[in-house]
N, C-alpha and C. Protein backbone atom coordinates (compact mmCIF):
# COMPACT_ATOMS: atom_id res chain seq x y z
N MET A 1 -1.90 5.23 -39.35
CA MET A 1 -1.51 4.52 -38.14
C MET A 1 -1.85 5.40 -36.92
N ASN A 2 -2.31 4.77 -35.91
CA ASN A 2 -2.63 5.47 -34.66
C ASN A 2 -1.37 5.42 -33.76
N TYR A 3 -0.63 6.51 -33.76
CA TYR A 3 0.65 6.55 -33.05
C TYR A 3 0.49 6.48 -31.54
N LEU A 4 -0.55 7.07 -31.01
CA LEU A 4 -0.78 7.01 -29.56
C LEU A 4 -1.06 5.57 -29.13
N LYS A 5 -1.91 4.89 -29.87
CA LYS A 5 -2.22 3.49 -29.56
C LYS A 5 -0.94 2.64 -29.66
N GLN A 6 -0.16 2.88 -30.69
CA GLN A 6 1.10 2.13 -30.87
C GLN A 6 2.05 2.40 -29.71
N ALA A 7 2.13 3.65 -29.27
CA ALA A 7 3.01 3.98 -28.14
C ALA A 7 2.54 3.28 -26.87
N CYS A 8 1.22 3.22 -26.68
CA CYS A 8 0.68 2.51 -25.51
C CYS A 8 1.03 1.03 -25.57
N TRP A 9 0.90 0.44 -26.77
CA TRP A 9 1.25 -0.98 -26.95
C TRP A 9 2.74 -1.20 -26.66
N LEU A 10 3.59 -0.35 -27.17
CA LEU A 10 5.02 -0.50 -26.93
C LEU A 10 5.34 -0.42 -25.44
N HIS A 11 4.69 0.51 -24.76
CA HIS A 11 4.93 0.67 -23.33
C HIS A 11 4.39 -0.51 -22.52
N LEU A 12 3.23 -1.02 -22.89
CA LEU A 12 2.59 -2.06 -22.09
C LEU A 12 2.86 -3.49 -22.57
N ASN A 13 3.62 -3.64 -23.62
CA ASN A 13 3.87 -4.97 -24.18
C ASN A 13 4.32 -5.97 -23.11
N PHE A 14 5.32 -5.63 -22.34
CA PHE A 14 5.83 -6.52 -21.30
C PHE A 14 4.75 -6.82 -20.27
N ALA A 15 4.05 -5.78 -19.82
CA ALA A 15 3.01 -5.96 -18.81
C ALA A 15 1.89 -6.86 -19.32
N VAL A 16 1.50 -6.68 -20.58
CA VAL A 16 0.46 -7.52 -21.16
C VAL A 16 0.90 -8.98 -21.20
N HIS A 17 2.12 -9.23 -21.66
CA HIS A 17 2.63 -10.61 -21.68
C HIS A 17 2.64 -11.21 -20.27
N ARG A 18 3.14 -10.46 -19.31
CA ARG A 18 3.20 -10.97 -17.93
C ARG A 18 1.80 -11.17 -17.35
N TYR A 19 0.88 -10.29 -17.70
CA TYR A 19 -0.50 -10.41 -17.24
C TYR A 19 -1.11 -11.72 -17.76
N LEU A 20 -0.91 -11.97 -19.04
CA LEU A 20 -1.43 -13.20 -19.61
C LEU A 20 -0.78 -14.43 -18.98
N MET A 21 0.52 -14.36 -18.76
CA MET A 21 1.21 -15.47 -18.09
C MET A 21 0.65 -15.73 -16.70
N SER A 22 0.31 -14.66 -16.02
CA SER A 22 -0.20 -14.80 -14.64
C SER A 22 -1.59 -15.41 -14.62
N ASN A 23 -2.23 -15.51 -15.77
CA ASN A 23 -3.55 -16.14 -15.89
C ASN A 23 -3.49 -17.57 -16.43
N ALA A 24 -2.31 -18.01 -16.83
CA ALA A 24 -2.17 -19.31 -17.50
C ALA A 24 -2.27 -20.48 -16.52
N ASP A 25 -2.81 -21.57 -17.04
CA ASP A 25 -2.90 -22.81 -16.29
C ASP A 25 -1.50 -23.25 -15.85
N GLY A 26 -1.34 -23.49 -14.57
CA GLY A 26 -0.06 -23.92 -14.04
C GLY A 26 0.92 -22.80 -13.73
N ARG A 27 0.61 -21.59 -14.16
CA ARG A 27 1.49 -20.45 -13.91
C ARG A 27 0.76 -19.33 -13.20
N ALA A 28 -0.47 -19.59 -12.82
CA ALA A 28 -1.30 -18.55 -12.21
C ALA A 28 -0.59 -17.90 -11.02
N SER A 29 -0.60 -16.59 -11.01
CA SER A 29 0.01 -15.83 -9.92
C SER A 29 -0.91 -14.65 -9.60
N GLY A 30 -1.62 -14.78 -8.51
CA GLY A 30 -2.56 -13.72 -8.11
C GLY A 30 -1.88 -12.40 -7.86
N ALA A 31 -0.68 -12.45 -7.26
CA ALA A 31 0.04 -11.21 -6.94
C ALA A 31 0.47 -10.49 -8.21
N GLU A 32 1.06 -11.22 -9.15
CA GLU A 32 1.49 -10.56 -10.38
C GLU A 32 0.28 -10.13 -11.22
N LYS A 33 -0.76 -10.94 -11.23
CA LYS A 33 -1.97 -10.57 -11.96
C LYS A 33 -2.50 -9.23 -11.45
N ALA A 34 -2.59 -9.08 -10.14
CA ALA A 34 -3.08 -7.84 -9.55
C ALA A 34 -2.15 -6.66 -9.87
N GLN A 35 -0.84 -6.91 -9.80
CA GLN A 35 0.14 -5.85 -10.08
C GLN A 35 0.02 -5.37 -11.52
N ARG A 36 -0.04 -6.30 -12.47
CA ARG A 36 -0.10 -5.91 -13.90
C ARG A 36 -1.44 -5.28 -14.23
N HIS A 37 -2.51 -5.78 -13.62
CA HIS A 37 -3.84 -5.22 -13.83
C HIS A 37 -3.85 -3.75 -13.39
N GLU A 38 -3.30 -3.48 -12.23
CA GLU A 38 -3.22 -2.10 -11.71
C GLU A 38 -2.34 -1.25 -12.61
N GLU A 39 -1.22 -1.81 -13.03
CA GLU A 39 -0.26 -1.07 -13.87
C GLU A 39 -0.90 -0.64 -15.20
N MET A 40 -1.58 -1.56 -15.86
CA MET A 40 -2.21 -1.25 -17.14
C MET A 40 -3.35 -0.24 -16.97
N SER A 41 -4.18 -0.46 -15.97
CA SER A 41 -5.33 0.44 -15.74
C SER A 41 -4.87 1.84 -15.40
N ALA A 42 -3.94 1.96 -14.47
CA ALA A 42 -3.45 3.28 -14.05
C ALA A 42 -2.75 4.00 -15.20
N PHE A 43 -1.96 3.26 -15.98
CA PHE A 43 -1.27 3.86 -17.11
C PHE A 43 -2.25 4.48 -18.10
N TYR A 44 -3.29 3.76 -18.43
CA TYR A 44 -4.25 4.28 -19.41
C TYR A 44 -4.96 5.53 -18.90
N VAL A 45 -5.36 5.52 -17.65
CA VAL A 45 -6.01 6.70 -17.10
C VAL A 45 -5.03 7.87 -17.11
N ALA A 46 -3.79 7.62 -16.72
CA ALA A 46 -2.77 8.69 -16.70
C ALA A 46 -2.56 9.28 -18.09
N VAL A 47 -2.46 8.43 -19.09
CA VAL A 47 -2.25 8.90 -20.46
C VAL A 47 -3.40 9.78 -20.93
N PHE A 48 -4.62 9.31 -20.72
CA PHE A 48 -5.76 10.02 -21.29
C PHE A 48 -6.29 11.15 -20.41
N LYS A 49 -5.79 11.24 -19.18
CA LYS A 49 -6.15 12.38 -18.32
C LYS A 49 -4.98 13.35 -18.18
N GLY A 50 -3.82 12.97 -18.71
CA GLY A 50 -2.68 13.89 -18.71
C GLY A 50 -2.05 14.11 -17.35
N VAL A 51 -1.97 13.05 -16.56
CA VAL A 51 -1.37 13.15 -15.22
C VAL A 51 -0.32 12.06 -15.05
N GLU A 52 0.42 12.16 -13.96
CA GLU A 52 1.38 11.12 -13.61
C GLU A 52 0.62 9.89 -13.11
N VAL A 53 1.18 8.72 -13.33
CA VAL A 53 0.54 7.48 -12.89
C VAL A 53 0.24 7.51 -11.39
N GLU A 54 1.14 8.09 -10.63
CA GLU A 54 0.97 8.15 -9.17
C GLU A 54 -0.23 9.00 -8.74
N GLN A 55 -0.71 9.85 -9.61
CA GLN A 55 -1.83 10.74 -9.28
C GLN A 55 -3.19 10.14 -9.64
N VAL A 56 -3.19 9.07 -10.38
CA VAL A 56 -4.44 8.53 -10.92
C VAL A 56 -5.43 8.15 -9.84
N ARG A 57 -5.04 7.34 -8.90
CA ARG A 57 -6.02 6.84 -7.92
C ARG A 57 -6.49 7.94 -6.97
N ARG A 58 -5.70 8.98 -6.82
CA ARG A 58 -6.10 10.08 -5.95
C ARG A 58 -7.05 11.04 -6.67
N HIS A 59 -6.78 11.33 -7.93
CA HIS A 59 -7.56 12.35 -8.66
C HIS A 59 -8.58 11.79 -9.64
N TYR A 60 -8.40 10.56 -10.05
CA TYR A 60 -9.29 9.96 -11.05
C TYR A 60 -9.74 8.56 -10.62
N ALA A 61 -10.17 8.46 -9.39
CA ALA A 61 -10.57 7.16 -8.83
C ALA A 61 -11.71 6.52 -9.62
N ARG A 62 -12.67 7.31 -10.03
CA ARG A 62 -13.82 6.76 -10.77
C ARG A 62 -13.37 6.20 -12.12
N GLU A 63 -12.56 6.94 -12.83
CA GLU A 63 -12.08 6.49 -14.13
C GLU A 63 -11.21 5.24 -13.96
N TYR A 64 -10.36 5.26 -12.94
CA TYR A 64 -9.52 4.09 -12.67
C TYR A 64 -10.40 2.86 -12.41
N LYS A 65 -11.41 3.01 -11.57
CA LYS A 65 -12.30 1.88 -11.26
C LYS A 65 -13.00 1.40 -12.51
N ASN A 66 -13.44 2.31 -13.37
CA ASN A 66 -14.11 1.91 -14.61
C ASN A 66 -13.19 1.09 -15.51
N VAL A 67 -11.95 1.56 -15.69
CA VAL A 67 -11.00 0.82 -16.53
C VAL A 67 -10.66 -0.50 -15.87
N HIS A 68 -10.42 -0.48 -14.57
CA HIS A 68 -10.11 -1.70 -13.82
C HIS A 68 -11.23 -2.73 -13.98
N ASP A 69 -12.47 -2.30 -13.82
CA ASP A 69 -13.61 -3.21 -13.91
C ASP A 69 -13.78 -3.78 -15.32
N LYS A 70 -13.60 -2.94 -16.33
CA LYS A 70 -13.69 -3.42 -17.72
C LYS A 70 -12.58 -4.44 -18.02
N THR A 71 -11.39 -4.18 -17.47
CA THR A 71 -10.28 -5.11 -17.65
C THR A 71 -10.60 -6.43 -16.97
N GLN A 72 -11.22 -6.36 -15.82
CA GLN A 72 -11.60 -7.59 -15.10
C GLN A 72 -12.63 -8.39 -15.90
N GLU A 73 -13.58 -7.71 -16.50
CA GLU A 73 -14.57 -8.39 -17.34
C GLU A 73 -13.88 -9.10 -18.51
N LEU A 74 -12.92 -8.43 -19.12
CA LEU A 74 -12.16 -9.05 -20.20
C LEU A 74 -11.41 -10.27 -19.68
N THR A 75 -10.75 -10.13 -18.56
CA THR A 75 -9.97 -11.22 -17.98
C THR A 75 -10.86 -12.41 -17.63
N ASP A 76 -12.04 -12.16 -17.14
CA ASP A 76 -12.95 -13.24 -16.78
C ASP A 76 -13.41 -14.04 -17.99
N ASN A 77 -13.24 -13.48 -19.18
CA ASN A 77 -13.68 -14.13 -20.41
C ASN A 77 -12.56 -14.26 -21.45
N LEU A 78 -11.33 -14.43 -21.00
CA LEU A 78 -10.20 -14.49 -21.93
C LEU A 78 -10.37 -15.59 -22.98
N ASP A 79 -10.93 -16.71 -22.57
CA ASP A 79 -11.11 -17.82 -23.51
C ASP A 79 -12.06 -17.42 -24.65
N ILE A 80 -13.11 -16.72 -24.33
CA ILE A 80 -14.10 -16.30 -25.32
C ILE A 80 -13.59 -15.10 -26.11
N GLU A 81 -13.04 -14.11 -25.41
CA GLU A 81 -12.65 -12.84 -26.03
C GLU A 81 -11.45 -12.95 -26.97
N ILE A 82 -10.42 -13.73 -26.56
CA ILE A 82 -9.20 -13.79 -27.37
C ILE A 82 -8.72 -15.20 -27.66
N GLY A 83 -9.49 -16.21 -27.25
CA GLY A 83 -9.09 -17.59 -27.49
C GLY A 83 -8.03 -18.12 -26.55
N PHE A 84 -7.93 -17.53 -25.37
CA PHE A 84 -6.95 -17.95 -24.37
C PHE A 84 -7.30 -19.36 -23.90
N PRO A 85 -6.36 -20.31 -23.97
CA PRO A 85 -6.69 -21.69 -23.58
C PRO A 85 -6.83 -21.84 -22.06
N LEU A 86 -7.86 -22.56 -21.65
CA LEU A 86 -8.06 -22.81 -20.23
C LEU A 86 -7.08 -23.85 -19.72
N ARG A 87 -6.60 -24.69 -20.60
CA ARG A 87 -5.59 -25.71 -20.26
C ARG A 87 -4.49 -25.64 -21.31
N GLY A 88 -3.31 -26.03 -20.91
CA GLY A 88 -2.20 -26.07 -21.85
C GLY A 88 -1.42 -24.76 -21.88
N THR A 89 -0.48 -24.71 -22.80
CA THR A 89 0.42 -23.57 -22.92
C THR A 89 -0.10 -22.57 -23.95
N PRO A 90 -0.36 -21.35 -23.53
CA PRO A 90 -0.82 -20.32 -24.47
C PRO A 90 0.29 -19.86 -25.41
N ASP A 91 -0.09 -19.39 -26.57
CA ASP A 91 0.82 -18.75 -27.51
C ASP A 91 0.76 -17.25 -27.23
N TYR A 92 1.65 -16.80 -26.36
CA TYR A 92 1.60 -15.41 -25.91
C TYR A 92 1.83 -14.41 -27.02
N ASP A 93 2.68 -14.75 -27.98
CA ASP A 93 2.94 -13.84 -29.09
C ASP A 93 1.69 -13.63 -29.95
N ASP A 94 0.83 -14.62 -30.01
CA ASP A 94 -0.43 -14.49 -30.73
C ASP A 94 -1.49 -13.78 -29.87
N LEU A 95 -1.55 -14.14 -28.60
CA LEU A 95 -2.61 -13.66 -27.72
C LEU A 95 -2.40 -12.24 -27.19
N ALA A 96 -1.16 -11.83 -26.99
CA ALA A 96 -0.90 -10.50 -26.41
C ALA A 96 -1.46 -9.36 -27.27
N PRO A 97 -1.25 -9.35 -28.58
CA PRO A 97 -1.84 -8.28 -29.38
C PRO A 97 -3.38 -8.32 -29.37
N LYS A 98 -3.95 -9.52 -29.34
CA LYS A 98 -5.41 -9.65 -29.26
C LYS A 98 -5.94 -9.07 -27.95
N PHE A 99 -5.23 -9.40 -26.86
CA PHE A 99 -5.64 -8.86 -25.56
C PHE A 99 -5.54 -7.34 -25.57
N PHE A 100 -4.42 -6.83 -26.07
CA PHE A 100 -4.22 -5.39 -26.09
C PHE A 100 -5.31 -4.68 -26.89
N GLU A 101 -5.68 -5.22 -28.03
CA GLU A 101 -6.74 -4.60 -28.86
C GLU A 101 -8.03 -4.48 -28.07
N ARG A 102 -8.41 -5.54 -27.38
CA ARG A 102 -9.64 -5.53 -26.57
C ARG A 102 -9.47 -4.59 -25.37
N PHE A 103 -8.33 -4.67 -24.71
CA PHE A 103 -8.08 -3.82 -23.55
C PHE A 103 -8.14 -2.35 -23.95
N HIS A 104 -7.49 -2.00 -25.03
CA HIS A 104 -7.46 -0.62 -25.50
C HIS A 104 -8.88 -0.10 -25.75
N ALA A 105 -9.67 -0.88 -26.47
CA ALA A 105 -11.05 -0.48 -26.78
C ALA A 105 -11.88 -0.34 -25.51
N LEU A 106 -11.76 -1.31 -24.61
CA LEU A 106 -12.55 -1.26 -23.37
C LEU A 106 -12.12 -0.13 -22.45
N ALA A 107 -10.81 0.13 -22.39
CA ALA A 107 -10.32 1.21 -21.54
C ALA A 107 -10.83 2.56 -22.04
N LEU A 108 -10.79 2.75 -23.35
CA LEU A 108 -11.31 4.01 -23.92
C LEU A 108 -12.81 4.14 -23.65
N GLN A 109 -13.51 3.05 -23.83
CA GLN A 109 -14.95 3.05 -23.56
C GLN A 109 -15.21 3.40 -22.10
N ALA A 110 -14.44 2.82 -21.21
CA ALA A 110 -14.62 3.05 -19.77
C ALA A 110 -14.41 4.52 -19.39
N MET A 111 -13.55 5.20 -20.15
CA MET A 111 -13.26 6.61 -19.88
C MET A 111 -14.03 7.55 -20.81
N SER A 112 -14.90 6.99 -21.63
CA SER A 112 -15.68 7.78 -22.60
C SER A 112 -14.78 8.57 -23.55
N VAL A 113 -13.71 7.92 -24.02
CA VAL A 113 -12.79 8.53 -24.98
C VAL A 113 -13.15 7.99 -26.37
N LYS A 114 -13.13 8.84 -27.38
CA LYS A 114 -13.46 8.40 -28.74
C LYS A 114 -12.49 7.33 -29.19
N ALA A 115 -12.99 6.37 -29.94
CA ALA A 115 -12.22 5.19 -30.35
C ALA A 115 -10.99 5.51 -31.19
N GLU A 116 -10.95 6.63 -31.88
CA GLU A 116 -9.78 6.92 -32.72
C GLU A 116 -8.55 7.29 -31.91
N ALA A 117 -8.71 7.46 -30.60
CA ALA A 117 -7.58 7.81 -29.74
C ALA A 117 -6.61 6.66 -29.65
């Protein structure tokens, strides 16, 4: 078991669910979407660079932008990437782990971190 990945999932579980909700038909919230997007991106950079979340954008702006952009690419294709419905009510309990798996892989790729992390 990858304990670091599991710890990241446990920490971001709520944010991932809220992020997906903010993308849902009829529940779209640009403000919350932006907030959760920033939260997830900054957290990952902080974890893998060993700094406080508040230091990320000041000291690791490039890495933050890379993770942010990869997350945006994922979000732009949620229907294709994880089966997120464009209409109707999503099954968040099914979709959240799928989103996290893709997010985790893309965030590591964006920071050039080996996949076993």
